[in-house]
N, C-alpha and C. Protein backbone atom coordinates (compact mmCIF):
# COMPACT_ATOMS: atom_id res chain seq x y z
N MET A 1 -21.50 -0.19 38.01
CA MET A 1 -20.82 -0.35 36.74
C MET A 1 -19.36 -0.70 37.02
N SER A 2 -18.88 -1.76 36.40
CA SER A 2 -17.52 -2.21 36.69
C SER A 2 -16.51 -1.43 35.85
N LYS A 3 -15.31 -1.37 36.39
CA LYS A 3 -14.24 -0.70 35.67
C LYS A 3 -13.61 -1.67 34.68
N ARG A 4 -12.88 -1.11 33.73
CA ARG A 4 -12.22 -1.96 32.75
C ARG A 4 -11.02 -2.65 33.39
N PRO A 5 -10.72 -3.87 32.99
CA PRO A 5 -9.57 -4.57 33.58
C PRO A 5 -8.26 -3.95 33.12
N THR A 6 -7.29 -3.97 33.99
CA THR A 6 -5.97 -3.43 33.66
C THR A 6 -5.03 -4.59 33.37
N PRO A 7 -4.08 -4.40 32.48
CA PRO A 7 -3.16 -5.49 32.16
C PRO A 7 -2.25 -5.83 33.35
N LYS A 8 -1.94 -7.11 33.50
CA LYS A 8 -1.09 -7.56 34.60
C LYS A 8 0.36 -7.16 34.38
N LYS A 9 0.80 -7.20 33.13
CA LYS A 9 2.18 -6.87 32.82
C LYS A 9 2.21 -5.81 31.73
N GLN A 10 3.31 -5.09 31.69
CA GLN A 10 3.47 -4.05 30.67
C GLN A 10 3.69 -4.71 29.31
N GLN A 11 3.02 -4.15 28.31
CA GLN A 11 3.16 -4.70 26.96
C GLN A 11 4.39 -4.10 26.29
N ALA A 12 5.14 -4.92 25.58
CA ALA A 12 6.36 -4.46 24.93
C ALA A 12 6.02 -3.51 23.78
N ASN A 13 6.91 -2.55 23.54
CA ASN A 13 6.70 -1.58 22.47
C ASN A 13 6.68 -2.26 21.11
N SER A 14 7.48 -3.30 20.94
CA SER A 14 7.50 -4.00 19.64
C SER A 14 6.16 -4.66 19.37
N GLN A 15 5.51 -5.18 20.40
CA GLN A 15 4.21 -5.81 20.20
C GLN A 15 3.16 -4.78 19.81
N SER A 16 3.21 -3.61 20.44
CA SER A 16 2.25 -2.55 20.11
C SER A 16 2.44 -2.09 18.67
N SER A 17 3.70 -1.88 18.28
CA SER A 17 3.96 -1.40 16.93
C SER A 17 3.64 -2.47 15.90
N ARG A 18 3.83 -3.74 16.25
CA ARG A 18 3.51 -4.82 15.32
C ARG A 18 2.02 -4.86 15.04
N ARG A 19 1.21 -4.68 16.11
CA ARG A 19 -0.24 -4.68 15.93
C ARG A 19 -0.68 -3.47 15.11
N TYR A 20 -0.06 -2.32 15.35
CA TYR A 20 -0.41 -1.12 14.61
C TYR A 20 0.00 -1.24 13.15
N LYS A 21 1.17 -1.81 12.88
CA LYS A 21 1.63 -1.99 11.49
C LYS A 21 0.70 -2.94 10.74
N ALA A 22 0.20 -3.96 11.41
CA ALA A 22 -0.73 -4.88 10.76
C ALA A 22 -2.00 -4.15 10.35
N PHE A 23 -2.49 -3.27 11.23
CA PHE A 23 -3.66 -2.46 10.90
C PHE A 23 -3.37 -1.54 9.72
N GLN A 24 -2.18 -0.91 9.72
CA GLN A 24 -1.81 -0.02 8.61
C GLN A 24 -1.76 -0.77 7.29
N ASN A 25 -1.19 -1.96 7.30
CA ASN A 25 -1.07 -2.73 6.06
C ASN A 25 -2.43 -3.14 5.52
N ARG A 26 -3.35 -3.52 6.42
CA ARG A 26 -4.71 -3.86 5.96
C ARG A 26 -5.40 -2.64 5.37
N ALA A 27 -5.25 -1.50 6.01
CA ALA A 27 -5.88 -0.27 5.51
C ALA A 27 -5.27 0.15 4.19
N ARG A 28 -3.95 0.01 4.06
CA ARG A 28 -3.27 0.40 2.83
C ARG A 28 -3.72 -0.46 1.66
N LYS A 29 -3.88 -1.77 1.89
CA LYS A 29 -4.35 -2.66 0.82
C LYS A 29 -5.76 -2.28 0.38
N ARG A 30 -6.60 -1.87 1.34
CA ARG A 30 -7.97 -1.50 1.02
C ARG A 30 -8.02 -0.19 0.23
N LEU A 31 -7.12 0.75 0.56
CA LEU A 31 -7.18 2.06 -0.06
C LEU A 31 -6.46 2.12 -1.41
N VAL A 32 -5.55 1.20 -1.67
CA VAL A 32 -4.80 1.23 -2.93
C VAL A 32 -5.76 1.10 -4.11
N ASN A 33 -6.75 0.26 -3.96
CA ASN A 33 -7.68 0.02 -5.07
C ASN A 33 -8.80 1.05 -5.15
N SER A 34 -8.86 2.01 -4.21
CA SER A 34 -9.96 2.96 -4.21
C SER A 34 -9.74 4.12 -5.17
N VAL A 35 -8.51 4.32 -5.64
CA VAL A 35 -8.24 5.41 -6.57
C VAL A 35 -8.66 4.96 -7.97
N ALA A 36 -9.60 5.68 -8.55
CA ALA A 36 -10.11 5.32 -9.86
C ALA A 36 -9.45 6.20 -10.92
N LEU A 37 -8.79 5.58 -11.87
CA LEU A 37 -8.12 6.31 -12.94
C LEU A 37 -8.90 6.15 -14.23
N THR A 38 -8.94 7.21 -15.01
CA THR A 38 -9.53 7.17 -16.34
C THR A 38 -8.54 7.79 -17.31
N THR A 39 -8.87 7.75 -18.57
CA THR A 39 -8.00 8.38 -19.57
C THR A 39 -8.59 9.71 -19.98
N CYS A 40 -7.73 10.68 -20.19
CA CYS A 40 -8.15 12.00 -20.64
C CYS A 40 -8.60 11.89 -22.09
N PRO A 41 -9.78 12.41 -22.43
CA PRO A 41 -10.24 12.29 -23.82
C PRO A 41 -9.42 13.11 -24.81
N LYS A 42 -8.73 14.13 -24.33
CA LYS A 42 -7.95 14.98 -25.23
C LYS A 42 -6.55 14.44 -25.48
N CYS A 43 -5.81 14.17 -24.39
CA CYS A 43 -4.40 13.77 -24.55
C CYS A 43 -4.18 12.28 -24.29
N LYS A 44 -5.20 11.55 -23.89
CA LYS A 44 -5.15 10.10 -23.66
C LYS A 44 -4.19 9.70 -22.53
N GLU A 45 -3.91 10.61 -21.60
CA GLU A 45 -3.09 10.29 -20.43
C GLU A 45 -3.99 9.83 -19.29
N ALA A 46 -3.43 9.07 -18.37
CA ALA A 46 -4.19 8.62 -17.21
C ALA A 46 -4.39 9.79 -16.25
N LYS A 47 -5.62 9.91 -15.73
CA LYS A 47 -5.92 10.98 -14.77
C LYS A 47 -6.91 10.44 -13.76
N MET A 48 -7.00 11.09 -12.59
CA MET A 48 -7.97 10.70 -11.59
C MET A 48 -9.36 11.16 -12.02
N GLN A 49 -10.37 10.39 -11.66
CA GLN A 49 -11.74 10.75 -12.01
C GLN A 49 -12.14 12.03 -11.30
N HIS A 50 -12.96 12.81 -11.95
CA HIS A 50 -13.54 14.05 -11.40
C HIS A 50 -12.47 15.06 -11.02
N SER A 51 -11.39 15.11 -11.79
CA SER A 51 -10.35 16.12 -11.56
C SER A 51 -9.76 16.51 -12.90
N ALA A 52 -9.11 17.66 -12.92
CA ALA A 52 -8.51 18.15 -14.16
C ALA A 52 -7.30 17.31 -14.52
N CYS A 53 -7.03 17.19 -15.80
CA CYS A 53 -5.87 16.44 -16.28
C CYS A 53 -4.61 17.23 -15.94
N SER A 54 -3.64 16.55 -15.36
CA SER A 54 -2.40 17.24 -14.99
C SER A 54 -1.49 17.45 -16.18
N ASN A 55 -1.77 16.79 -17.29
CA ASN A 55 -0.93 16.94 -18.48
C ASN A 55 -1.40 18.09 -19.37
N CYS A 56 -2.70 18.15 -19.67
CA CYS A 56 -3.19 19.19 -20.58
C CYS A 56 -4.04 20.25 -19.87
N GLY A 57 -4.52 20.00 -18.66
CA GLY A 57 -5.27 20.99 -17.90
C GLY A 57 -6.74 21.08 -18.28
N GLU A 58 -7.28 20.08 -18.89
CA GLU A 58 -8.67 20.12 -19.32
C GLU A 58 -9.54 19.29 -18.39
N TYR A 59 -10.76 19.79 -18.14
CA TYR A 59 -11.73 19.07 -17.33
C TYR A 59 -13.11 19.25 -17.93
N ASN A 60 -13.77 18.15 -18.19
CA ASN A 60 -15.15 18.15 -18.69
C ASN A 60 -15.29 18.96 -19.98
N GLY A 61 -14.31 18.85 -20.86
CA GLY A 61 -14.37 19.52 -22.15
C GLY A 61 -13.97 20.98 -22.11
N ARG A 62 -13.53 21.50 -20.97
CA ARG A 62 -13.12 22.90 -20.86
C ARG A 62 -11.68 22.98 -20.38
N GLN A 63 -11.00 24.04 -20.77
CA GLN A 63 -9.64 24.29 -20.32
C GLN A 63 -9.72 25.03 -18.98
N VAL A 64 -9.32 24.36 -17.89
CA VAL A 64 -9.43 24.96 -16.57
C VAL A 64 -8.08 25.33 -15.98
N LEU A 65 -7.01 24.70 -16.44
CA LEU A 65 -5.67 25.03 -15.97
C LEU A 65 -4.84 25.55 -17.13
N ASP A 66 -4.13 26.65 -16.91
CA ASP A 66 -3.26 27.21 -17.94
C ASP A 66 -1.91 26.52 -17.84
N MET A 67 -1.67 25.54 -18.70
CA MET A 67 -0.44 24.76 -18.62
C MET A 67 0.75 25.47 -19.24
N GLY A 68 0.52 26.48 -20.08
CA GLY A 68 1.62 27.21 -20.70
C GLY A 68 2.24 28.24 -19.77
N LYS A 69 1.51 28.62 -18.74
CA LYS A 69 1.98 29.62 -17.80
C LYS A 69 2.98 29.00 -16.84
N LYS A 70 4.11 29.66 -16.64
CA LYS A 70 5.14 29.14 -15.75
C LYS A 70 4.81 29.58 -14.33
N MET A 71 4.84 28.63 -13.41
CA MET A 71 4.58 28.92 -12.00
C MET A 71 5.90 29.10 -11.28
N ASP A 72 6.05 30.21 -10.56
CA ASP A 72 7.23 30.45 -9.76
C ASP A 72 6.94 30.03 -8.32
N LYS A 73 7.88 29.30 -7.74
CA LYS A 73 7.73 28.92 -6.35
C LYS A 73 8.09 30.10 -5.47
N ILE A 74 7.33 30.30 -4.45
CA ILE A 74 7.60 31.36 -3.49
C ILE A 74 8.51 30.79 -2.42
N THR A 75 9.73 31.31 -2.36
CA THR A 75 10.67 30.81 -1.36
C THR A 75 10.84 31.81 -0.22
N LYS A 76 10.64 33.08 -0.49
CA LYS A 76 10.75 34.10 0.55
C LYS A 76 9.51 34.96 0.56
N VAL A 77 9.16 35.39 1.73
CA VAL A 77 8.03 36.30 1.87
C VAL A 77 8.57 37.70 1.96
N LYS A 78 8.10 38.55 1.05
CA LYS A 78 8.56 39.94 1.05
C LYS A 78 7.81 40.73 2.11
N ALA A 79 8.56 41.43 2.93
CA ALA A 79 7.94 42.17 4.03
C ALA A 79 7.53 43.55 3.58
């Protein structure tokens, strides 16, 4: 079984990053269109499919998120 060929010269970092960026851009274009948005039947805001509405907190005709409740961010851990 033969070994893989090795490059004769070192490849420049800019060339490597250019090839990687091209791959990233192709993947990004493909994934941008994969997010499916629908409108919430209650508040008519745009929301992602199969998830609760971030505006009113309703999913599938039920209230699943309490939007009136204030959430406090935890900045310190009490010992």
